[in-house]
PDB file of N, CA and C in Angstrom:
ATOM      1  N   UNK A   1       0.811  -1.353   0.239  1.00  0.00           N
ATOM      2  CA  UNK A   1      -0.026  -0.036  -0.001  1.00  0.00           C
ATOM      3  C   UNK A   1       0.805   1.152   0.066  1.00  0.00           C
ATOM      4  N   UNK A   2       0.396   2.286  -0.886  1.00  0.00           N
ATOM      5  CA  UNK A   2       1.415   3.602  -1.154  1.00  0.00           C
ATOM      6  C   UNK A   2       0.695   4.414   0.029  1.00  0.00           C
ATOM      7  N   UNK A   3       1.759   5.177   0.840  1.00  0.00           N
ATOM      8  CA  UNK A   3       1.199   5.844   1.779  1.00  0.00           C
ATOM      9  C   UNK A   3       1.542   7.247   1.127  1.00  0.00           C
ATOM     10  N   UNK A   4       0.687   8.421   1.322  1.00  0.00           N
ATOM     11  CA  UNK A   4       0.792   9.671   0.917  1.00  0.00           C
ATOM     12  C   UNK A   4       2.106  10.202   1.958  1.00  0.00           C
ATOM     13  N   UNK A   5       2.959  10.566   1.170  1.00  0.00           N
ATOM     14  CA  UNK A   5       4.300  11.341   1.920  1.00  0.00           C
ATOM     15  C   UNK A   5       3.758  12.706   2.328  1.00  0.00           C
ATOM     16  N   UNK A   6       2.904  13.173   1.768  1.00  0.00           N
ATOM     17  CA  UNK A   6       2.510  14.790   2.072  1.00  0.00           C
ATOM     18  C   UNK A   6       1.849  14.581   3.522  1.00  0.00           C
ATOM     19  N   UNK A   7       1.384  13.631   3.969  1.00  0.00           N
ATOM     20  CA  UNK A   7       0.992  13.765   5.433  1.00  0.00           C
ATOM     21  C   UNK A   7       2.070  14.093   6.296  1.00  0.00           C
ATOM     22  N   UNK A   8       1.481  15.081   7.375  1.00  0.00           N
ATOM     23  CA  UNK A   8       2.313  15.497   8.437  1.00  0.00           C
ATOM     24  C   UNK A   8       1.394  16.138   9.580  1.00  0.00           C
ATOM     25  N   UNK A   9       1.652  15.901  10.673  1.00  0.00           N
ATOM     26  CA  UNK A   9       1.033  16.596  11.868  1.00  0.00           C
ATOM     27  C   UNK A   9       1.833  17.328  12.817  1.00  0.00           C
ATOM     28  N   UNK A  10       0.987  17.807  13.857  1.00  0.00           N
ATOM     29  CA  UNK A  10       1.865  18.845  14.664  1.00  0.00           C
ATOM     30  C   UNK A  10       1.268  18.029  16.248  1.00  0.00           C
ATOM     31  N   UNK A  11       2.227  17.790  17.021  1.00  0.00           N
ATOM     32  CA  UNK A  11       1.800  16.890  18.321  1.00  0.00           C
ATOM     33  C   UNK A  11       2.659  17.660  19.343  1.00  0.00           C
ATOM     34  N   UNK A  12       2.310  18.106  20.202  1.00  0.00           N
ATOM     35  CA  UNK A  12       2.815  18.821  21.243  1.00  0.00           C
ATOM     36  C   UNK A  12       3.812  19.841  20.446  1.00  0.00           C
ATOM     37  N   UNK A  13       3.680  20.881  19.998  1.00  0.00           N
ATOM     38  CA  UNK A  13       4.523  21.655  19.378  1.00  0.00           C
ATOM     39  C   UNK A  13       5.568  21.217  18.561  1.00  0.00           C
ATOM     40  N   UNK A  14       5.810  19.925  18.040  1.00  0.00           N
ATOM     41  CA  UNK A  14       6.545  19.371  17.172  1.00  0.00           C
ATOM     42  C   UNK A  14       6.055  18.767  16.129  1.00  0.00           C
ATOM     43  N   UNK A  15       6.455  19.209  14.880  1.00  0.00           N
ATOM     44  CA  UNK A  15       5.982  18.474  13.341  1.00  0.00           C
ATOM     45  C   UNK A  15       6.540  17.010  13.383  1.00  0.00           C
ATOM     46  N   UNK A  16       5.481  16.209  12.609  1.00  0.00           N
ATOM     47  CA  UNK A  16       5.868  14.985  12.375  1.00  0.00           C
ATOM     48  C   UNK A  16       5.406  14.806  10.641  1.00  0.00           C
ATOM     49  N   UNK A  17       6.674  13.958   9.882  1.00  0.00           N
ATOM     50  CA  UNK A  17       6.598  13.482   8.840  1.00  0.00           C
ATOM     51  C   UNK A  17       6.069  12.267   8.813  1.00  0.00           C
ATOM     52  N   UNK A  18       5.707  11.451   7.740  1.00  0.00           N
ATOM     53  CA  UNK A  18       5.099  10.059   7.665  1.00  0.00           C
ATOM     54  C   UNK A  18       6.135   8.879   8.312  1.00  0.00           C
ATOM     55  N   UNK A  19       7.220   9.411   8.204  1.00  0.00           N
ATOM     56  CA  UNK A  19       8.268   8.434   8.587  1.00  0.00           C
ATOM     57  C   UNK A  19       8.393   8.234  10.180  1.00  0.00           C
ATOM     58  N   UNK A  20       8.231   9.804  10.690  1.00  0.00           N
ATOM     59  CA  UNK A  20       8.610  10.158  12.159  1.00  0.00           C
ATOM     60  C   UNK A  20       6.879   9.940  13.017  1.00  0.00           C
ATOM     61  N   UNK A  21       5.863   9.678  12.076  1.00  0.00           N
ATOM     62  CA  UNK A  21       4.503   9.324  13.074  1.00  0.00           C
ATOM     63  C   UNK A  21       4.672   8.049  13.066  1.00  0.00           C
ATOM     64  N   UNK A  22       5.181   6.916  12.201  1.00  0.00           N
ATOM     65  CA  UNK A  22       5.566   5.429  12.120  1.00  0.00           C
ATOM     66  C   UNK A  22       6.512   5.289  13.372  1.00  0.00           C
ATOM     67  N   UNK A  23       7.401   6.250  13.300  1.00  0.00           N
ATOM     68  CA  UNK A  23       8.570   6.059  14.604  1.00  0.00           C
ATOM     69  C   UNK A  23       7.701   6.373  16.056  1.00  0.00           C
ATOM     70  N   UNK A  24       7.289   7.493  16.041  1.00  0.00           N
ATOM     71  CA  UNK A  24       6.402   7.840  17.364  1.00  0.00           C
ATOM     72  C   UNK A  24       5.668   6.720  17.547  1.00  0.00           C
ATOM     73  N   UNK A  25       4.629   6.487  16.630  1.00  0.00           N
ATOM     74  CA  UNK A  25       3.441   5.131  17.220  1.00  0.00           C
ATOM     75  C   UNK A  25       3.965   3.727  17.844  1.00  0.00           C
ATOM     76  N   UNK A  26       5.118   3.714  17.102  1.00  0.00           N
ATOM     77  CA  UNK A  26       5.851   2.374  17.728  1.00  0.00           C
ATOM     78  C   UNK A  26       6.535   2.487  19.127  1.00  0.00           C
ATOM     79  N   UNK A  27       7.270   3.907  19.322  1.00  0.00           N
ATOM     80  CA  UNK A  27       8.099   4.091  20.348  1.00  0.00           C
ATOM     81  C   UNK A  27       6.947   4.214  21.537  1.00  0.00           C
ATOM     82  N   UNK A  28       5.456   5.108  21.363  1.00  0.00           N
ATOM     83  CA  UNK A  28       4.247   5.133  22.512  1.00  0.00           C
ATOM     84  C   UNK A  28       3.771   3.883  22.524  1.00  0.00           C
ATOM     85  N   UNK A  29       3.784   2.762  21.714  1.00  0.00           N
ATOM     86  CA  UNK A  29       3.313   1.659  22.105  1.00  0.00           C
ATOM     87  C   UNK A  29       4.072   0.716  22.853  1.00  0.00           C
ATOM     88  N   UNK A  30       5.080   0.742  22.714  1.00  0.00           N
ATOM     89  CA  UNK A  30       6.300  -0.111  23.483  1.00  0.00           C
ATOM     90  C   UNK A  30       6.280   0.769  25.001  1.00  0.00           C
ATOM     91  N   UNK A  31       5.903   1.974  25.127  1.00  0.00           N
ATOM     92  CA  UNK A  31       5.702   2.874  26.362  1.00  0.00           C
ATOM     93  C   UNK A  31       4.891   2.139  27.083  1.00  0.00           C
ATOM     94  N   UNK A  32       3.620   1.837  26.446  1.00  0.00           N
ATOM     95  CA  UNK A  32       2.434   1.361  27.077  1.00  0.00           C
ATOM     96  C   UNK A  32       3.025   0.061  27.698  1.00  0.00           C
ATOM     97  N   UNK A  33       3.508  -0.733  27.306  1.00  0.00           N
ATOM     98  CA  UNK A  33       4.083  -1.745  27.895  1.00  0.00           C
ATOM     99  C   UNK A  33       4.797  -1.518  29.619  1.00  0.00           C
ATOM    100  N   UNK A  34       5.412  -0.816  29.261  1.00  0.00           N
ATOM    101  CA  UNK A  34       6.130  -0.112  30.913  1.00  0.00           C
ATOM    102  C   UNK A  34       4.972   0.613  31.331  1.00  0.00           C
ATOM    103  N   UNK A  35       4.118   1.144  31.135  1.00  0.00           N
ATOM    104  CA  UNK A  35       3.104   1.815  32.094  1.00  0.00           C
ATOM    105  C   UNK A  35       2.180   1.125  32.110  1.00  0.00           C
ATOM    106  N   UNK A  36       1.580  -0.066  31.617  1.00  0.00           N
ATOM    107  CA  UNK A  36       0.350  -0.420  31.950  1.00  0.00           C
ATOM    108  C   UNK A  36      -0.712   0.422  32.286  1.00  0.00           C
ATOM    109  N   UNK A  37      -0.827   1.187  31.255  1.00  0.00           N
ATOM    110  CA  UNK A  37      -1.745   2.099  31.946  1.00  0.00           C
ATOM    111  C   UNK A  37      -3.415   1.940  31.457  1.00  0.00           C
ATOM    112  N   UNK A  38      -4.269   2.648  32.021  1.00  0.00           N
ATOM    113  CA  UNK A  38      -5.884   1.980  31.483  1.00  0.00           C
ATOM    114  C   UNK A  38      -6.045   2.770  30.071  1.00  0.00           C
ATOM    115  N   UNK A  39      -7.164   2.400  29.560  1.00  0.00           N
ATOM    116  CA  UNK A  39      -7.380   2.904  28.194  1.00  0.00           C
ATOM    117  C   UNK A  39      -7.506   4.351  28.324  1.00  0.00           C
ATOM    118  N   UNK A  40      -7.347   5.134  27.147  1.00  0.00           N
ATOM    119  CA  UNK A  40      -7.626   6.568  27.303  1.00  0.00           C
ATOM    120  C   UNK A  40      -6.755   7.253  27.949  1.00  0.00           C
ATOM    121  N   UNK A  41      -5.548   6.964  28.577  1.00  0.00           N
ATOM    122  CA  UNK A  41      -4.656   7.590  29.559  1.00  0.00           C
ATOM    123  C   UNK A  41      -3.442   7.466  29.191  1.00  0.00           C
ATOM    124  N   UNK A  42      -2.937   6.899  28.041  1.00  0.00           N
ATOM    125  CA  UNK A  42      -1.752   6.734  27.332  1.00  0.00           C
ATOM    126  C   UNK A  42      -1.637   7.811  26.409  1.00  0.00           C
ATOM    127  N   UNK A  43      -0.417   8.140  26.006  1.00  0.00           N
ATOM    128  CA  UNK A  43       0.059   9.071  24.887  1.00  0.00           C
ATOM    129  C   UNK A  43      -0.125   8.325  23.952  1.00  0.00           C
ATOM    130  N   UNK A  44      -0.106   7.191  23.612  1.00  0.00           N
ATOM    131  CA  UNK A  44      -0.240   6.746  22.431  1.00  0.00           C
ATOM    132  C   UNK A  44      -1.831   6.908  21.944  1.00  0.00           C
ATOM    133  N   UNK A  45      -2.799   6.820  22.609  1.00  0.00           N
ATOM    134  CA  UNK A  45      -4.182   7.245  22.538  1.00  0.00           C
ATOM    135  C   UNK A  45      -4.055   8.981  21.971  1.00  0.00           C
ATOM    136  N   UNK A  46      -3.479   9.377  22.827  1.00  0.00           N
ATOM    137  CA  UNK A  46      -3.462  10.956  22.571  1.00  0.00           C
ATOM    138  C   UNK A  46      -2.876  11.267  20.965  1.00  0.00           C
ATOM    139  N   UNK A  47      -1.869  10.687  20.727  1.00  0.00           N
ATOM    140  CA  UNK A  47      -1.067  10.944  19.682  1.00  0.00           C
ATOM    141  C   UNK A  47      -1.818  10.607  18.308  1.00  0.00           C
ATOM    142  N   UNK A  48      -2.412   9.058  18.669  1.00  0.00           N
ATOM    143  CA  UNK A  48      -3.532   8.615  17.332  1.00  0.00           C
ATOM    144  C   UNK A  48      -4.512   9.832  17.506  1.00  0.00           C
ATOM    145  N   UNK A  49      -5.101  10.253  18.399  1.00  0.00           N
ATOM    146  CA  UNK A  49      -6.094  11.148  18.269  1.00  0.00           C
ATOM    147  C   UNK A  49      -5.613  12.403  17.458  1.00  0.00           C
ATOM    148  N   UNK A  50      -4.682  12.577  17.686  1.00  0.00           N
ATOM    149  CA  UNK A  50      -4.070  14.138  17.283  1.00  0.00           C
ATOM    150  C   UNK A  50      -4.001  13.827  15.850  1.00  0.00           C
ATOM    151  N   UNK A  51      -3.069  12.512  15.460  1.00  0.00           N
ATOM    152  CA  UNK A  51      -3.258  12.386  14.042  1.00  0.00           C
ATOM    153  C   UNK A  51      -4.658  12.249  13.364  1.00  0.00           C
ATOM    154  N   UNK A  52      -5.537  11.682  13.690  1.00  0.00           N
ATOM    155  CA  UNK A  52      -6.924  11.530  13.500  1.00  0.00           C
ATOM    156  C   UNK A  52      -7.387  12.955  13.138  1.00  0.00           C
ATOM    157  N   UNK A  53      -7.225  13.945  14.095  1.00  0.00           N
ATOM    158  CA  UNK A  53      -7.868  15.262  14.034  1.00  0.00           C
ATOM    159  C   UNK A  53      -7.180  16.145  12.747  1.00  0.00           C
ATOM    160  N   UNK A  54      -5.636  15.678  12.513  1.00  0.00           N
ATOM    161  CA  UNK A  54      -5.398  16.659  11.634  1.00  0.00           C
ATOM    162  C   UNK A  54      -5.213  15.943   9.964  1.00  0.00           C
ATOM    163  N   UNK A  55      -5.116  14.646   9.740  1.00  0.00           N
ATOM    164  CA  UNK A  55      -5.660  13.982   8.581  1.00  0.00           C
ATOM    165  C   UNK A  55      -6.616  14.333   8.051  1.00  0.00           C
ATOM    166  N   UNK A  56      -6.384  14.625   6.652  1.00  0.00           N
ATOM    167  CA  UNK A  56      -7.426  14.901   6.037  1.00  0.00           C
ATOM    168  C   UNK A  56      -8.333  13.185   5.173  1.00  0.00           C
ATOM    169  N   UNK A  57      -9.371  13.457   5.489  1.00  0.00           N
ATOM    170  CA  UNK A  57     -10.433  12.493   5.361  1.00  0.00           C
ATOM    171  C   UNK A  57     -10.030  11.133   4.711  1.00  0.00           C
ATOM    172  N   UNK A  58      -9.373  11.561   3.618  1.00  0.00           N
ATOM    173  CA  UNK A  58      -8.610  10.517   2.465  1.00  0.00           C
ATOM    174  C   UNK A  58      -7.594   9.864   3.249  1.00  0.00           C
ATOM    175  N   UNK A  59      -6.853  10.551   4.132  1.00  0.00           N
ATOM    176  CA  UNK A  59      -5.718   9.865   4.277  1.00  0.00           C
ATOM    177  C   UNK A  59      -5.979   9.150   5.854  1.00  0.00           C
ATOM    178  N   UNK A  60      -6.902   9.243   6.383  1.00  0.00           N
ATOM    179  CA  UNK A  60      -7.275   8.614   7.765  1.00  0.00           C
ATOM    180  C   UNK A  60      -7.032   6.924   7.593  1.00  0.00           C
ATOM    181  N   UNK A  61      -6.793   6.582   6.417  1.00  0.00           N
ATOM    182  CA  UNK A  61      -6.975   5.265   6.546  1.00  0.00           C
ATOM    183  C   UNK A  61      -5.206   4.668   7.104  1.00  0.00           C
ATOM    184  N   UNK A  62      -4.403   5.788   7.107  1.00  0.00           N
ATOM    185  CA  UNK A  62      -2.951   5.513   7.595  1.00  0.00           C
ATOM    186  C   UNK A  62      -2.920   4.962   8.820  1.00  0.00           C
ATOM    187  N   UNK A  63      -4.055   5.417   9.684  1.00  0.00           N
ATOM    188  CA  UNK A  63      -3.864   4.966  11.111  1.00  0.00           C
ATOM    189  C   UNK A  63      -3.941   3.543  11.037  1.00  0.00           C
ATOM    190  N   UNK A  64      -4.916   3.077  10.587  1.00  0.00           N
ATOM    191  CA  UNK A  64      -5.075   1.388  10.529  1.00  0.00           C
ATOM    192  C   UNK A  64      -3.985   0.701   9.994  1.00  0.00           C
ATOM    193  N   UNK A  65      -3.542   1.522   8.955  1.00  0.00           N
ATOM    194  CA  UNK A  65      -2.074   0.807   8.373  1.00  0.00           C
ATOM    195  C   UNK A  65      -1.027   0.915   9.147  1.00  0.00           C
ATOM    196  N   UNK A  66      -1.032   1.843  10.170  1.00  0.00           N
ATOM    197  CA  UNK A  66       0.263   2.145  10.966  1.00  0.00           C
ATOM    198  C   UNK A  66      -0.017   0.912  12.126  1.00  0.00           C
ATOM    199  N   UNK A  67      -1.349   0.863  12.492  1.00  0.00           N
ATOM    200  CA  UNK A  67      -1.313  -0.380  13.462  1.00  0.00           C
ATOM    201  C   UNK A  67      -0.811  -1.760  12.910  1.00  0.00           C
ATOM    202  N   UNK A  68      -1.449  -2.296  11.765  1.00  0.00           N
ATOM    203  CA  UNK A  68      -0.930  -3.193  11.053  1.00  0.00           C
ATOM    204  C   UNK A  68       0.662  -3.475  10.978  1.00  0.00           C
ATOM    205  N   UNK A  69       1.120  -2.416  10.530  1.00  0.00           N
ATOM    206  CA  UNK A  69       2.620  -2.551  10.627  1.00  0.00           C
ATOM    207  C   UNK A  69       3.448  -2.427  12.058  1.00  0.00           C
ATOM    208  N   UNK A  70       2.633  -2.038  13.398  1.00  0.00           N
ATOM    209  CA  UNK A  70       3.135  -1.857  14.262  1.00  0.00           C
ATOM    210  C   UNK A  70       2.923  -3.582  14.718  1.00  0.00           C
ATOM    211  N   UNK A  71       1.651  -4.106  14.767  1.00  0.00           N
ATOM    212  CA  UNK A  71       1.388  -5.477  14.959  1.00  0.00           C
ATOM    213  C   UNK A  71       2.390  -6.522  14.224  1.00  0.00           C
ATOM    214  N   UNK A  72       2.911  -6.530  13.002  1.00  0.00           N
ATOM    215  CA  UNK A  72       3.953  -7.371  12.679  1.00  0.00           C
ATOM    216  C   UNK A  72       5.276  -7.093  13.241  1.00  0.00           C
ATOM    217  N   UNK A  73       5.400  -5.616  13.300  1.00  0.00           N
ATOM    218  CA  UNK A  73       6.757  -5.635  14.112  1.00  0.00           C
ATOM    219  C   UNK A  73       6.786  -6.379  15.314  1.00  0.00           C
ATOM    220  N   UNK A  74       5.739  -6.183  16.291  1.00  0.00           N
ATOM    221  CA  UNK A  74       5.594  -6.782  17.859  1.00  0.00           C
ATOM    222  C   UNK A  74       5.678  -8.380  17.546  1.00  0.00           C
ATOM    223  N   UNK A  75       4.753  -8.754  16.400  1.00  0.00           N
ATOM    224  CA  UNK A  75       4.880 -10.238  16.353  1.00  0.00           C
ATOM    225  C   UNK A  75       6.288 -10.675  15.930  1.00  0.00           C
ATOM    226  N   UNK A  76       6.902 -10.004  14.872  1.00  0.00           N
ATOM    227  CA  UNK A  76       8.364 -10.400  14.535  1.00  0.00           C
ATOM    228  C   UNK A  76       9.607 -10.029  15.321  1.00  0.00           C
ATOM    229  N   UNK A  77       9.094  -9.695  16.528  1.00  0.00           N
ATOM    230  CA  UNK A  77      10.162  -9.139  17.821  1.00  0.00           C
ATOM    231  C   UNK A  77      10.748 -10.454  18.497  1.00  0.00           C
ATOM    232  N   UNK A  78      11.845 -10.578  19.106  1.00  0.00           N
ATOM    233  CA  UNK A  78      12.493 -11.407  19.744  1.00  0.00           C
ATOM    234  C   UNK A  78      11.486 -11.873  21.359  1.00  0.00           C
ATOM    235  N   UNK A  79      10.371 -10.613  21.598  1.00  0.00           N
ATOM    236  CA  UNK A  79       9.959 -10.550  22.902  1.00  0.00           C
ATOM    237  C   UNK A  79       9.611 -11.735  23.093  1.00  0.00           C
ATOM    238  N   UNK A  80       9.060 -12.161  24.739  1.00  0.00           N
ATOM    239  CA  UNK A  80       8.487 -13.533  24.572  1.00  0.00           C
ATOM    240  C   UNK A  80       6.868 -13.590  24.314  1.00  0.00           C
ATOM    241  N   UNK A  81       6.513 -14.482  24.254  1.00  0.00           N
ATOM    242  CA  UNK A  81       5.121 -14.748  23.497  1.00  0.00           C
ATOM    243  C   UNK A  81       3.814 -13.964  23.966  1.00  0.00           C
ATOM    244  N   UNK A  82       4.260 -14.237  25.278  1.00  0.00           N
ATOM    245  CA  UNK A  82       3.093 -13.442  26.383  1.00  0.00           C
ATOM    246  C   UNK A  82       2.813 -12.078  26.144  1.00  0.00           C
ATOM    247  N   UNK A  83       4.097 -11.523  26.396  1.00  0.00           N
ATOM    248  CA  UNK A  83       4.544 -10.130  26.172  1.00  0.00           C
ATOM    249  C   UNK A  83       4.232  -9.450  25.029  1.00  0.00           C
ATOM    250  N   UNK A  84       4.241 -10.141  23.813  1.00  0.00           N
ATOM    251  CA  UNK A  84       3.974  -9.963  22.586  1.00  0.00           C
ATOM    252  C   UNK A  84       2.309 -10.088  22.104  1.00  0.00           C
ATOM    253  N   UNK A  85       1.753 -10.738  22.974  1.00  0.00           N
ATOM    254  CA  UNK A  85       0.471 -10.798  22.940  1.00  0.00           C
ATOM    255  C   UNK A  85      -0.427  -9.693  23.838  1.00  0.00           C
ATOM    256  N   UNK A  86       0.446  -9.205  24.928  1.00  0.00           N
ATOM    257  CA  UNK A  86      -0.088  -8.633  25.857  1.00  0.00           C
ATOM    258  C   UNK A  86       0.017  -6.900  25.140  1.00  0.00           C
ATOM    259  N   UNK A  87       1.267  -6.983  24.295  1.00  0.00           N
ATOM    260  CA  UNK A  87       1.366  -5.617  23.925  1.00  0.00           C
ATOM    261  C   UNK A  87       0.462  -5.598  23.092  1.00  0.00           C
ATOM    262  N   UNK A  88       0.357  -6.305  21.963  1.00  0.00           N
ATOM    263  CA  UNK A  88      -0.455  -6.038  20.819  1.00  0.00           C
ATOM    264  C   UNK A  88      -2.041  -5.878  21.453  1.00  0.00           C
ATOM    265  N   UNK A  89      -2.482  -6.352  22.151  1.00  0.00           N
ATOM    266  CA  UNK A  89      -3.528  -6.476  22.497  1.00  0.00           C
ATOM    267  C   UNK A  89      -3.921  -4.996  23.157  1.00  0.00           C
ATOM    268  N   UNK A  90      -2.846  -4.782  24.034  1.00  0.00           N
ATOM    269  CA  UNK A  90      -2.987  -3.072  24.700  1.00  0.00           C
ATOM    270  C   UNK A  90      -3.000  -2.008  23.640  1.00  0.00           C
ATOM    271  N   UNK A  91      -2.147  -2.311  22.671  1.00  0.00           N
ATOM    272  CA  UNK A  91      -1.884  -1.298  21.823  1.00  0.00           C
ATOM    273  C   UNK A  91      -3.027  -1.283  20.718  1.00  0.00           C
ATOM    274  N   UNK A  92      -3.805  -2.554  20.229  1.00  0.00           N
ATOM    275  CA  UNK A  92      -5.157  -2.415  19.675  1.00  0.00           C
ATOM    276  C   UNK A  92      -6.352  -1.746  20.369  1.00  0.00           C
ATOM    277  N   UNK A  93      -6.183  -1.809  21.875  1.00  0.00           N
ATOM    278  CA  UNK A  93      -6.831  -1.102  22.783  1.00  0.00           C
ATOM    279  C   UNK A  93      -7.186   0.159  22.511  1.00  0.00           C
ATOM    280  N   UNK A  94      -5.815   0.508  22.632  1.00  0.00           N
ATOM    281  CA  UNK A  94      -5.679   2.329  22.459  1.00  0.00           C
ATOM    282  C   UNK A  94      -5.965   2.737  21.178  1.00  0.00           C
ATOM    283  N   UNK A  95      -5.846   1.983  19.889  1.00  0.00           N
ATOM    284  CA  UNK A  95      -6.102   2.605  18.590  1.00  0.00           C
ATOM    285  C   UNK A  95      -7.620   2.458  18.731  1.00  0.00           C
ATOM    286  N   UNK A  96      -8.206   1.287  19.198  1.00  0.00           N
ATOM    287  CA  UNK A  96      -9.626   1.306  18.970  1.00  0.00           C
ATOM    288  C   UNK A  96     -10.535   2.555  19.807  1.00  0.00           C
ATOM    289  N   UNK A  97      -9.969   2.621  21.097  1.00  0.00           N
ATOM    290  CA  UNK A  97     -10.386   3.806  22.017  1.00  0.00           C
ATOM    291  C   UNK A  97     -10.417   5.219  21.112  1.00  0.00           C
ATOM    292  N   UNK A  98      -9.232   5.188  20.728  1.00  0.00           N
ATOM    293  CA  UNK A  98      -8.864   6.781  19.910  1.00  0.00           C
ATOM    294  C   UNK A  98      -9.665   6.922  18.658  1.00  0.00           C
ATOM    295  N   UNK A  99     -10.173   5.843  17.866  1.00  0.00           N
ATOM    296  CA  UNK A  99     -10.860   5.940  16.369  1.00  0.00           C
ATOM    297  C   UNK A  99     -12.351   5.925  16.925  1.00  0.00           C
ATOM    298  N   UNK A 100     -12.779   5.135  18.097  1.00  0.00           N
ATOM    299  CA  UNK A 100     -14.041   5.286  18.435  1.00  0.00           C
ATOM    300  C   UNK A 100     -14.473   6.798  19.014  1.00  0.00           C
ATOM    301  N   UNK A 101     -13.353   7.347  19.966  1.00  0.00           N
ATOM    302  CA  UNK A 101     -13.539   8.976  20.324  1.00  0.00           C
ATOM    303  C   UNK A 101     -13.755   9.722  19.302  1.00  0.00           C
ATOM    304  N   UNK A 102     -12.779   9.437  18.367  1.00  0.00           N
ATOM    305  CA  UNK A 102     -12.782  10.426  17.107  1.00  0.00           C
ATOM    306  C   UNK A 102     -14.308  10.665  16.289  1.00  0.00           C
ATOM    307  N   UNK A 103     -14.566   9.279  15.952  1.00  0.00           N
ATOM    308  CA  UNK A 103     -15.568   8.991  15.125  1.00  0.00           C
ATOM    309  C   UNK A 103     -17.191   9.761  15.860  1.00  0.00           C
ATOM    310  N   UNK A 104     -17.103   9.155  17.264  1.00  0.00           N
ATOM    311  CA  UNK A 104     -18.030   9.781  18.410  1.00  0.00           C
ATOM    312  C   UNK A 104     -18.477  11.219  18.236  1.00  0.00           C
ATOM    313  N   UNK A 105     -16.849  12.167  18.433  1.00  0.00           N
ATOM    314  CA  UNK A 105     -16.659  13.236  18.596  1.00  0.00           C
ATOM    315  C   UNK A 105     -17.139  14.003  17.020  1.00  0.00           C
ATOM    316  N   UNK A 106     -16.895  13.294  15.765  1.00  0.00           N
ATOM    317  CA  UNK A 106     -17.488  13.851  14.627  1.00  0.00           C
ATOM    318  C   UNK A 106     -19.021  14.011  14.529  1.00  0.00           C
ATOM    319  N   UNK A 107     -19.653  13.020  14.991  1.00  0.00           N
ATOM    320  CA  UNK A 107     -21.156  12.644  14.772  1.00  0.00           C
ATOM    321  C   UNK A 107     -22.022  13.984  15.259  1.00  0.00           C
TER     322      UNK A 107
END
C-alpha cells in the first residue's frame, strides 16, 4: 500500500512527517508496555487522536495501516510470546479507543 508522503501533523509543538509518525507510534506502543496504564490515559491514545484530527479524510486509513505495521513489528520481535500478545492487545485497545472517540466526536 502506497502511503501519501505529504501527510504531516503537529503534536506537542513538534511537526511529524510520515516516517516520524511511524516511529512515534512504535515508541509510544512500547511505552504502554512499561506503563500498563488504563485505556484513554496513554500518550499513544493522545497521539493517535491528534493524528486523526489533523489528517485529511482520505488519509485517515493511515492510522489503521500503522497499526498493522506495528502489529507485524511486535509479532516479529524477539519478545516473549505472552509479552507480544499483551502488547498487541494493549496497543489495539488504544487504537480502538482513539478511533471510536474520534468518530463519536464527529457525529
